[in-house]
Amino acid sequence: MVKQLNRGPEEKLFRIRILSHKGDKVHIKLPIAFVKKLIQNNALDIFNNEDDIIDSEKLLTLIVNAFNYNLNGEIARLERSNGDIIKIIID
């Protein structure tokens, strides 16, 4: 559930959780300001996979809009056909 909080971006974290169908778990935590710089410099390319079913540009736009509206919580959940689950969270 996405919630709107009054925390400043310098206090918030952008988290990506990947749970692979093989049992691997990846947790990434980055400050929001750093993620914004990565997006501005086209350096956040973890969503650019040619076999993905989602448009990476639209996903990055969703992330930037979530930052701009100061949203909190799970903003996207991707479930791939192979069983991988990718969660994008702001908190």
PDB file of N, CA and C in Angstrom:
ATOM      1  N   MET A   1       0.837  -1.177   0.000  1.00  0.00           N
ATOM      2  CA  MET A   1       0.000   0.000   0.000  1.00  0.00           C
ATOM      3  C   MET A   1       0.885   1.244   0.000  1.00  0.00           C
ATOM      4  N   VAL A   2       0.564   2.199  -0.857  1.00  0.00           N
ATOM      5  CA  VAL A   2       1.335   3.427  -0.965  1.00  0.00           C
ATOM      6  C   VAL A   2       0.726   4.468  -0.038  1.00  0.00           C
ATOM      7  N   LYS A   3       1.591   5.118   0.729  1.00  0.00           N
ATOM      8  CA  LYS A   3       1.144   6.151   1.661  1.00  0.00           C
ATOM      9  C   LYS A   3       1.875   7.443   1.350  1.00  0.00           C
ATOM     10  N   GLN A   4       1.237   8.565   1.620  1.00  0.00           N
ATOM     11  CA  GLN A   4       1.889   9.844   1.437  1.00  0.00           C
ATOM     12  C   GLN A   4       2.350  10.352   2.795  1.00  0.00           C
ATOM     13  N   LEU A   5       3.667  10.577   2.927  1.00  0.00           N
ATOM     14  CA  LEU A   5       4.252  11.046   4.176  1.00  0.00           C
ATOM     15  C   LEU A   5       4.933  12.386   3.946  1.00  0.00           C
ATOM     16  N   ASN A   6       5.219  13.081   5.022  1.00  0.00           N
ATOM     17  CA  ASN A   6       5.848  14.387   4.926  1.00  0.00           C
ATOM     18  C   ASN A   6       7.347  14.330   5.216  1.00  0.00           C
ATOM     19  N   ARG A   7       7.996  13.234   4.925  1.00  0.00           N
ATOM     20  CA  ARG A   7       9.442  13.130   5.086  1.00  0.00           C
ATOM     21  C   ARG A   7      10.124  13.743   3.879  1.00  0.00           C
ATOM     22  N   GLY A   8      11.270  14.363   4.134  1.00  0.00           N
ATOM     23  CA  GLY A   8      12.045  14.935   3.042  1.00  0.00           C
ATOM     24  C   GLY A   8      12.794  13.862   2.274  1.00  0.00           C
ATOM     25  N   PRO A   9      13.131  14.124   1.015  1.00  0.00           N
ATOM     26  CA  PRO A   9      13.821  13.127   0.200  1.00  0.00           C
ATOM     27  C   PRO A   9      15.180  12.727   0.751  1.00  0.00           C
ATOM     28  N   GLU A  10      15.823  13.602   1.515  1.00  0.00           N
ATOM     29  CA  GLU A  10      17.133  13.273   2.076  1.00  0.00           C
ATOM     30  C   GLU A  10      17.043  12.189   3.135  1.00  0.00           C
ATOM     31  N   GLU A  11      15.859  11.932   3.658  1.00  0.00           N
ATOM     32  CA  GLU A  11      15.661  10.923   4.694  1.00  0.00           C
ATOM     33  C   GLU A  11      15.165   9.593   4.133  1.00  0.00           C
ATOM     34  N   LYS A  12      14.722   9.587   2.892  1.00  0.00           N
ATOM     35  CA  LYS A  12      14.076   8.410   2.338  1.00  0.00           C
ATOM     36  C   LYS A  12      15.041   7.519   1.576  1.00  0.00           C
ATOM     37  N   LEU A  13      14.662   6.245   1.489  1.00  0.00           N
ATOM     38  CA  LEU A  13      15.455   5.259   0.766  1.00  0.00           C
ATOM     39  C   LEU A  13      14.636   4.641  -0.356  1.00  0.00           C
ATOM     40  N   PHE A  14      15.304   4.334  -1.437  1.00  0.00           N
ATOM     41  CA  PHE A  14      14.741   3.614  -2.567  1.00  0.00           C
ATOM     42  C   PHE A  14      15.247   2.186  -2.438  1.00  0.00           C
ATOM     43  N   ARG A  15      14.334   1.246  -2.378  1.00  0.00           N
ATOM     44  CA  ARG A  15      14.734  -0.149  -2.187  1.00  0.00           C
ATOM     45  C   ARG A  15      14.227  -1.005  -3.336  1.00  0.00           C
ATOM     46  N   ILE A  16      15.065  -1.920  -3.744  1.00  0.00           N
ATOM     47  CA  ILE A  16      14.680  -2.924  -4.734  1.00  0.00           C
ATOM     48  C   ILE A  16      14.917  -4.279  -4.088  1.00  0.00           C
ATOM     49  N   ARG A  17      13.905  -5.101  -4.128  1.00  0.00           N
ATOM     50  CA  ARG A  17      14.020  -6.473  -3.612  1.00  0.00           C
ATOM     51  C   ARG A  17      13.745  -7.430  -4.752  1.00  0.00           C
ATOM     52  N   ILE A  18      14.673  -8.331  -4.954  1.00  0.00           N
ATOM     53  CA  ILE A  18      14.526  -9.334  -5.994  1.00  0.00           C
ATOM     54  C   ILE A  18      14.539 -10.695  -5.329  1.00  0.00           C
ATOM     55  N   LEU A  19      13.501 -11.459  -5.573  1.00  0.00           N
ATOM     56  CA  LEU A  19      13.395 -12.831  -5.074  1.00  0.00           C
ATOM     57  C   LEU A  19      13.353 -13.732  -6.303  1.00  0.00           C
ATOM     58  N   SER A  20      14.453 -14.435  -6.557  1.00  0.00           N
ATOM     59  CA  SER A  20      14.521 -15.233  -7.779  1.00  0.00           C
ATOM     60  C   SER A  20      13.851 -16.587  -7.595  1.00  0.00           C
ATOM     61  N   HIS A  21      13.483 -17.160  -8.711  1.00  0.00           N
ATOM     62  CA  HIS A  21      12.853 -18.476  -8.682  1.00  0.00           C
ATOM     63  C   HIS A  21      13.825 -19.559  -8.222  1.00  0.00           C
ATOM     64  N   LYS A  22      15.121 -19.252  -8.210  1.00  0.00           N
ATOM     65  CA  LYS A  22      16.136 -20.208  -7.745  1.00  0.00           C
ATOM     66  C   LYS A  22      16.417 -20.068  -6.256  1.00  0.00           C
ATOM     67  N   GLY A  23      15.744 -19.106  -5.599  1.00  0.00           N
ATOM     68  CA  GLY A  23      15.942 -18.915  -4.169  1.00  0.00           C
ATOM     69  C   GLY A  23      16.889 -17.790  -3.803  1.00  0.00           C
ATOM     70  N   ASP A  24      17.501 -17.148  -4.806  1.00  0.00           N
ATOM     71  CA  ASP A  24      18.388 -16.020  -4.531  1.00  0.00           C
ATOM     72  C   ASP A  24      17.573 -14.818  -4.076  1.00  0.00           C
ATOM     73  N   LYS A  25      18.163 -14.031  -3.171  1.00  0.00           N
ATOM     74  CA  LYS A  25      17.519 -12.812  -2.687  1.00  0.00           C
ATOM     75  C   LYS A  25      18.508 -11.662  -2.826  1.00  0.00           C
ATOM     76  N   VAL A  26      18.057 -10.570  -3.443  1.00  0.00           N
ATOM     77  CA  VAL A  26      18.890  -9.384  -3.614  1.00  0.00           C
ATOM     78  C   VAL A  26      18.140  -8.213  -3.010  1.00  0.00           C
ATOM     79  N   HIS A  27      18.813  -7.473  -2.139  1.00  0.00           N
ATOM     80  CA  HIS A  27      18.223  -6.292  -1.508  1.00  0.00           C
ATOM     81  C   HIS A  27      19.153  -5.113  -1.766  1.00  0.00           C
ATOM     82  N   ILE A  28      18.622  -4.076  -2.384  1.00  0.00           N
ATOM     83  CA  ILE A  28      19.396  -2.873  -2.674  1.00  0.00           C
ATOM     84  C   ILE A  28      18.711  -1.702  -1.994  1.00  0.00           C
ATOM     85  N   LYS A  29      19.477  -0.899  -1.251  1.00  0.00           N
ATOM     86  CA  LYS A  29      18.970   0.307  -0.595  1.00  0.00           C
ATOM     87  C   LYS A  29      19.834   1.478  -1.016  1.00  0.00           C
ATOM     88  N   LEU A  30      19.208   2.510  -1.560  1.00  0.00           N
ATOM     89  CA  LEU A  30      19.937   3.697  -1.985  1.00  0.00           C
ATOM     90  C   LEU A  30      19.170   4.945  -1.563  1.00  0.00           C
ATOM     91  N   PRO A  31      19.878   6.015  -1.210  1.00  0.00           N
ATOM     92  CA  PRO A  31      19.189   7.271  -0.900  1.00  0.00           C
ATOM     93  C   PRO A  31      18.477   7.815  -2.149  1.00  0.00           C
ATOM     94  N   ILE A  32      17.311   8.416  -1.942  1.00  0.00           N
ATOM     95  CA  ILE A  32      16.500   8.950  -3.044  1.00  0.00           C
ATOM     96  C   ILE A  32      17.289   9.938  -3.899  1.00  0.00           C
ATOM     97  N   ALA A  33      18.028  10.843  -3.271  1.00  0.00           N
ATOM     98  CA  ALA A  33      18.779  11.853  -4.029  1.00  0.00           C
ATOM     99  C   ALA A  33      19.772  11.188  -4.992  1.00  0.00           C
ATOM    100  N   PHE A  34      20.403  10.112  -4.545  1.00  0.00           N
ATOM    101  CA  PHE A  34      21.348   9.385  -5.387  1.00  0.00           C
ATOM    102  C   PHE A  34      20.631   8.714  -6.562  1.00  0.00           C
ATOM    103  N   VAL A  35      19.475   8.122  -6.301  1.00  0.00           N
ATOM    104  CA  VAL A  35      18.701   7.463  -7.365  1.00  0.00           C
ATOM    105  C   VAL A  35      18.244   8.489  -8.398  1.00  0.00           C
ATOM    106  N   LYS A  36      17.841   9.672  -7.949  1.00  0.00           N
ATOM    107  CA  LYS A  36      17.449  10.729  -8.893  1.00  0.00           C
ATOM    108  C   LYS A  36      18.609  11.078  -9.821  1.00  0.00           C
ATOM    109  N   LYS A  37      19.813  11.178  -9.267  1.00  0.00           N
ATOM    110  CA  LYS A  37      21.003  11.471 -10.088  1.00  0.00           C
ATOM    111  C   LYS A  37      21.264  10.335 -11.086  1.00  0.00           C
ATOM    112  N   LEU A  38      21.113   9.095 -10.631  1.00  0.00           N
ATOM    113  CA  LEU A  38      21.294   7.952 -11.529  1.00  0.00           C
ATOM    114  C   LEU A  38      20.309   8.008 -12.694  1.00  0.00           C
ATOM    115  N   ILE A  39      19.050   8.317 -12.393  1.00  0.00           N
ATOM    116  CA  ILE A  39      18.027   8.398 -13.441  1.00  0.00           C
ATOM    117  C   ILE A  39      18.334   9.543 -14.400  1.00  0.00           C
ATOM    118  N   GLN A  40      18.726  10.704 -13.864  1.00  0.00           N
ATOM    119  CA  GLN A  40      19.061  11.861 -14.715  1.00  0.00           C
ATOM    120  C   GLN A  40      20.218  11.546 -15.660  1.00  0.00           C
ATOM    121  N   ASN A  41      21.167  10.733 -15.199  1.00  0.00           N
ATOM    122  CA  ASN A  41      22.344  10.397 -16.001  1.00  0.00           C
ATOM    123  C   ASN A  41      22.185   9.084 -16.773  1.00  0.00           C
ATOM    124  N   ASN A  42      20.969   8.565 -16.834  1.00  0.00           N
ATOM    125  CA  ASN A  42      20.674   7.293 -17.517  1.00  0.00           C
ATOM    126  C   ASN A  42      21.573   6.158 -17.029  1.00  0.00           C
ATOM    127  N   ALA A  43      21.868   6.172 -15.735  1.00  0.00           N
ATOM    128  CA  ALA A  43      22.759   5.171 -15.169  1.00  0.00           C
ATOM    129  C   ALA A  43      22.018   4.089 -14.382  1.00  0.00           C
ATOM    130  N   LEU A  44      20.714   4.220 -14.266  1.00  0.00           N
ATOM    131  CA  LEU A  44      19.927   3.192 -13.578  1.00  0.00           C
ATOM    132  C   LEU A  44      19.354   2.272 -14.653  1.00  0.00           C
ATOM    133  N   ASP A  45      20.186   1.357 -15.122  1.00  0.00           N
ATOM    134  CA  ASP A  45      19.798   0.525 -16.256  1.00  0.00           C
ATOM    135  C   ASP A  45      19.439  -0.908 -15.866  1.00  0.00           C
ATOM    136  N   ILE A  46      19.154  -1.128 -14.599  1.00  0.00           N
ATOM    137  CA  ILE A  46      18.812  -2.491 -14.180  1.00  0.00           C
ATOM    138  C   ILE A  46      17.458  -2.934 -14.713  1.00  0.00           C
ATOM    139  N   PHE A  47      16.669  -1.974 -15.211  1.00  0.00           N
ATOM    140  CA  PHE A  47      15.354  -2.309 -15.758  1.00  0.00           C
ATOM    141  C   PHE A  47      15.385  -2.447 -17.273  1.00  0.00           C
ATOM    142  N   ASN A  48      16.547  -2.359 -17.879  1.00  0.00           N
ATOM    143  CA  ASN A  48      16.667  -2.430 -19.334  1.00  0.00           C
ATOM    144  C   ASN A  48      17.081  -3.829 -19.767  1.00  0.00           C
ATOM    145  N   ASN A  49      16.135  -4.726 -19.823  1.00  0.00           N
ATOM    146  CA  ASN A  49      16.378  -6.091 -20.255  1.00  0.00           C
ATOM    147  C   ASN A  49      15.457  -6.346 -21.438  1.00  0.00           C
ATOM    148  N   GLU A  50      15.996  -6.785 -22.536  1.00  0.00           N
ATOM    149  CA  GLU A  50      15.204  -6.893 -23.755  1.00  0.00           C
ATOM    150  C   GLU A  50      14.054  -7.894 -23.659  1.00  0.00           C
ATOM    151  N   ASP A  51      14.111  -8.832 -22.733  1.00  0.00           N
ATOM    152  CA  ASP A  51      13.017  -9.796 -22.617  1.00  0.00           C
ATOM    153  C   ASP A  51      11.996  -9.407 -21.535  1.00  0.00           C
ATOM    154  N   ASP A  52      12.162  -8.225 -20.961  1.00  0.00           N
ATOM    155  CA  ASP A  52      11.203  -7.771 -19.952  1.00  0.00           C
ATOM    156  C   ASP A  52       9.873  -7.402 -20.593  1.00  0.00           C
ATOM    157  N   ILE A  53       8.812  -7.604 -19.848  1.00  0.00           N
ATOM    158  CA  ILE A  53       7.478  -7.308 -20.359  1.00  0.00           C
ATOM    159  C   ILE A  53       7.052  -5.880 -20.077  1.00  0.00           C
ATOM    160  N   ILE A  54       7.869  -5.152 -19.321  1.00  0.00           N
ATOM    161  CA  ILE A  54       7.507  -3.794 -18.942  1.00  0.00           C
ATOM    162  C   ILE A  54       8.414  -2.802 -19.662  1.00  0.00           C
ATOM    163  N   ASP A  55       7.851  -1.667 -20.003  1.00  0.00           N
ATOM    164  CA  ASP A  55       8.607  -0.592 -20.641  1.00  0.00           C
ATOM    165  C   ASP A  55       9.442   0.105 -19.570  1.00  0.00           C
ATOM    166  N   SER A  56      10.762   0.003 -19.669  1.00  0.00           N
ATOM    167  CA  SER A  56      11.642   0.546 -18.629  1.00  0.00           C
ATOM    168  C   SER A  56      11.525   2.059 -18.513  1.00  0.00           C
ATOM    169  N   GLU A  57      11.285   2.748 -19.623  1.00  0.00           N
ATOM    170  CA  GLU A  57      11.122   4.213 -19.568  1.00  0.00           C
ATOM    171  C   GLU A  57       9.887   4.593 -18.754  1.00  0.00           C
ATOM    172  N   LYS A  58       8.809   3.860 -18.950  1.00  0.00           N
ATOM    173  CA  LYS A  58       7.588   4.131 -18.188  1.00  0.00           C
ATOM    174  C   LYS A  58       7.785   3.805 -16.708  1.00  0.00           C
ATOM    175  N   LEU A  59       8.529   2.757 -16.423  1.00  0.00           N
ATOM    176  CA  LEU A  59       8.801   2.405 -15.032  1.00  0.00           C
ATOM    177  C   LEU A  59       9.632   3.493 -14.356  1.00  0.00           C
ATOM    178  N   LEU A  60      10.639   4.006 -15.046  1.00  0.00           N
ATOM    179  CA  LEU A  60      11.458   5.083 -14.481  1.00  0.00           C
ATOM    180  C   LEU A  60      10.636   6.352 -14.290  1.00  0.00           C
ATOM    181  N   THR A  61       9.709   6.630 -15.212  1.00  0.00           N
ATOM    182  CA  THR A  61       8.812   7.778 -15.054  1.00  0.00           C
ATOM    183  C   THR A  61       7.929   7.591 -13.830  1.00  0.00           C
ATOM    184  N   LEU A  62       7.426   6.374 -13.623  1.00  0.00           N
ATOM    185  CA  LEU A  62       6.636   6.068 -12.433  1.00  0.00           C
ATOM    186  C   LEU A  62       7.442   6.317 -11.168  1.00  0.00           C
ATOM    187  N   ILE A  63       8.689   5.903 -11.161  1.00  0.00           N
ATOM    188  CA  ILE A  63       9.554   6.081  -9.989  1.00  0.00           C
ATOM    189  C   ILE A  63       9.780   7.563  -9.712  1.00  0.00           C
ATOM    190  N   VAL A  64      10.090   8.326 -10.749  1.00  0.00           N
ATOM    191  CA  VAL A  64      10.315   9.774 -10.573  1.00  0.00           C
ATOM    192  C   VAL A  64       9.049  10.453 -10.072  1.00  0.00           C
ATOM    193  N   ASN A  65       7.902  10.093 -10.612  1.00  0.00           N
ATOM    194  CA  ASN A  65       6.635  10.674 -10.150  1.00  0.00           C
ATOM    195  C   ASN A  65       6.357  10.305  -8.695  1.00  0.00           C
ATOM    196  N   ALA A  66       6.682   9.097  -8.305  1.00  0.00           N
ATOM    197  CA  ALA A  66       6.512   8.691  -6.901  1.00  0.00           C
ATOM    198  C   ALA A  66       7.393   9.539  -5.992  1.00  0.00           C
ATOM    199  N   PHE A  67       8.623   9.825  -6.436  1.00  0.00           N
ATOM    200  CA  PHE A  67       9.500  10.715  -5.666  1.00  0.00           C
ATOM    201  C   PHE A  67       8.880  12.099  -5.546  1.00  0.00           C
ATOM    202  N   ASN A  68       8.399  12.627  -6.679  1.00  0.00           N
ATOM    203  CA  ASN A  68       7.848  13.985  -6.707  1.00  0.00           C
ATOM    204  C   ASN A  68       6.611  14.138  -5.832  1.00  0.00           C
ATOM    205  N   TYR A  69       5.815  13.078  -5.713  1.00  0.00           N
ATOM    206  CA  TYR A  69       4.614  13.123  -4.878  1.00  0.00           C
ATOM    207  C   TYR A  69       4.877  12.642  -3.453  1.00  0.00           C
ATOM    208  N   ASN A  70       6.142  12.394  -3.141  1.00  0.00           N
ATOM    209  CA  ASN A  70       6.543  12.006  -1.792  1.00  0.00           C
ATOM    210  C   ASN A  70       5.805  10.744  -1.317  1.00  0.00           C
ATOM    211  N   LEU A  71       5.651   9.784  -2.230  1.00  0.00           N
ATOM    212  CA  LEU A  71       4.963   8.544  -1.877  1.00  0.00           C
ATOM    213  C   LEU A  71       5.875   7.630  -1.081  1.00  0.00           C
ATOM    214  N   ASN A  72       5.261   6.755  -0.334  1.00  0.00           N
ATOM    215  CA  ASN A  72       5.969   5.827   0.527  1.00  0.00           C
ATOM    216  C   ASN A  72       5.325   4.456   0.392  1.00  0.00           C
ATOM    217  N   GLY A  73       6.139   3.417   0.399  1.00  0.00           N
ATOM    218  CA  GLY A  73       5.612   2.063   0.340  1.00  0.00           C
ATOM    219  C   GLY A  73       6.002   1.377  -0.955  1.00  0.00           C
ATOM    220  N   GLU A  74       5.375   0.242  -1.217  1.00  0.00           N
ATOM    221  CA  GLU A  74       5.658  -0.522  -2.432  1.00  0.00           C
ATOM    222  C   GLU A  74       4.971   0.165  -3.603  1.00  0.00           C
ATOM    223  N   ILE A  75       5.765   0.651  -4.556  1.00  0.00           N
ATOM    224  CA  ILE A  75       5.172   1.372  -5.685  1.00  0.00           C
ATOM    225  C   ILE A  75       5.063   0.509  -6.929  1.00  0.00           C
ATOM    226  N   ALA A  76       5.798  -0.600  -6.970  1.00  0.00           N
ATOM    227  CA  ALA A  76       5.693  -1.515  -8.106  1.00  0.00           C
ATOM    228  C   ALA A  76       6.088  -2.915  -7.658  1.00  0.00           C
ATOM    229  N   ARG A  77       5.429  -3.886  -8.257  1.00  0.00           N
ATOM    230  CA  ARG A  77       5.733  -5.298  -8.000  1.00  0.00           C
ATOM    231  C   ARG A  77       5.659  -6.001  -9.348  1.00  0.00           C
ATOM    232  N   LEU A  78       6.771  -6.565  -9.755  1.00  0.00           N
ATOM    233  CA  LEU A  78       6.851  -7.243 -11.040  1.00  0.00           C
ATOM    234  C   LEU A  78       7.034  -8.731 -10.790  1.00  0.00           C
ATOM    235  N   GLU A  79       6.188  -9.534 -11.398  1.00  0.00           N
ATOM    236  CA  GLU A  79       6.304 -10.986 -11.287  1.00  0.00           C
ATOM    237  C   GLU A  79       6.536 -11.536 -12.678  1.00  0.00           C
ATOM    238  N   ARG A  80       7.714 -12.078 -12.877  1.00  0.00           N
ATOM    239  CA  ARG A  80       8.080 -12.600 -14.191  1.00  0.00           C
ATOM    240  C   ARG A  80       7.550 -14.016 -14.365  1.00  0.00           C
ATOM    241  N   SER A  81       7.460 -14.461 -15.588  1.00  0.00           N
ATOM    242  CA  SER A  81       6.919 -15.788 -15.876  1.00  0.00           C
ATOM    243  C   SER A  81       7.791 -16.909 -15.310  1.00  0.00           C
ATOM    244  N   ASN A  82       9.068 -16.630 -15.078  1.00  0.00           N
ATOM    245  CA  ASN A  82       9.943 -17.664 -14.520  1.00  0.00           C
ATOM    246  C   ASN A  82       9.849 -17.751 -12.996  1.00  0.00           C
ATOM    247  N   GLY A  83       9.016 -16.889 -12.385  1.00  0.00           N
ATOM    248  CA  GLY A  83       8.831 -16.927 -10.938  1.00  0.00           C
ATOM    249  C   GLY A  83       9.583 -15.853 -10.173  1.00  0.00           C
ATOM    250  N   ASP A  84      10.448 -15.098 -10.849  1.00  0.00           N
ATOM    251  CA  ASP A  84      11.160 -14.012 -10.183  1.00  0.00           C
ATOM    252  C   ASP A  84      10.174 -12.921  -9.758  1.00  0.00           C
ATOM    253  N   ILE A  85      10.395 -12.354  -8.592  1.00  0.00           N
ATOM    254  CA  ILE A  85       9.573 -11.240  -8.100  1.00  0.00           C
ATOM    255  C   ILE A  85      10.487 -10.059  -7.820  1.00  0.00           C
ATOM    256  N   ILE A  86      10.134  -8.907  -8.375  1.00  0.00           N
ATOM    257  CA  ILE A  86      10.903  -7.679  -8.160  1.00  0.00           C
ATOM    258  C   ILE A  86       9.975  -6.666  -7.521  1.00  0.00           C
ATOM    259  N   LYS A  87      10.374  -6.168  -6.352  1.00  0.00           N
ATOM    260  CA  LYS A  87       9.577  -5.168  -5.637  1.00  0.00           C
ATOM    261  C   LYS A  87      10.362  -3.869  -5.593  1.00  0.00           C
ATOM    262  N   ILE A  88       9.669  -2.766  -5.868  1.00  0.00           N
ATOM    263  CA  ILE A  88      10.275  -1.444  -5.795  1.00  0.00           C
ATOM    264  C   ILE A  88       9.563  -0.691  -4.668  1.00  0.00           C
ATOM    265  N   ILE A  89      10.341  -0.253  -3.690  1.00  0.00           N
ATOM    266  CA  ILE A  89       9.777   0.301  -2.459  1.00  0.00           C
ATOM    267  C   ILE A  89      10.463   1.627  -2.146  1.00  0.00           C
ATOM    268  N   ILE A  90       9.687   2.568  -1.656  1.00  0.00           N
ATOM    269  CA  ILE A  90      10.222   3.831  -1.136  1.00  0.00           C
ATOM    270  C   ILE A  90       9.829   3.919   0.325  1.00  0.00           C
ATOM    271  N   ASP A  91      10.841   4.138   1.174  1.00  0.00           N
ATOM    272  CA  ASP A  91      10.528   4.313   2.602  1.00  0.00           C
ATOM    273  C   ASP A  91      11.562   5.163   3.289  1.00  0.00           C
TER     274      ASP A  91
END
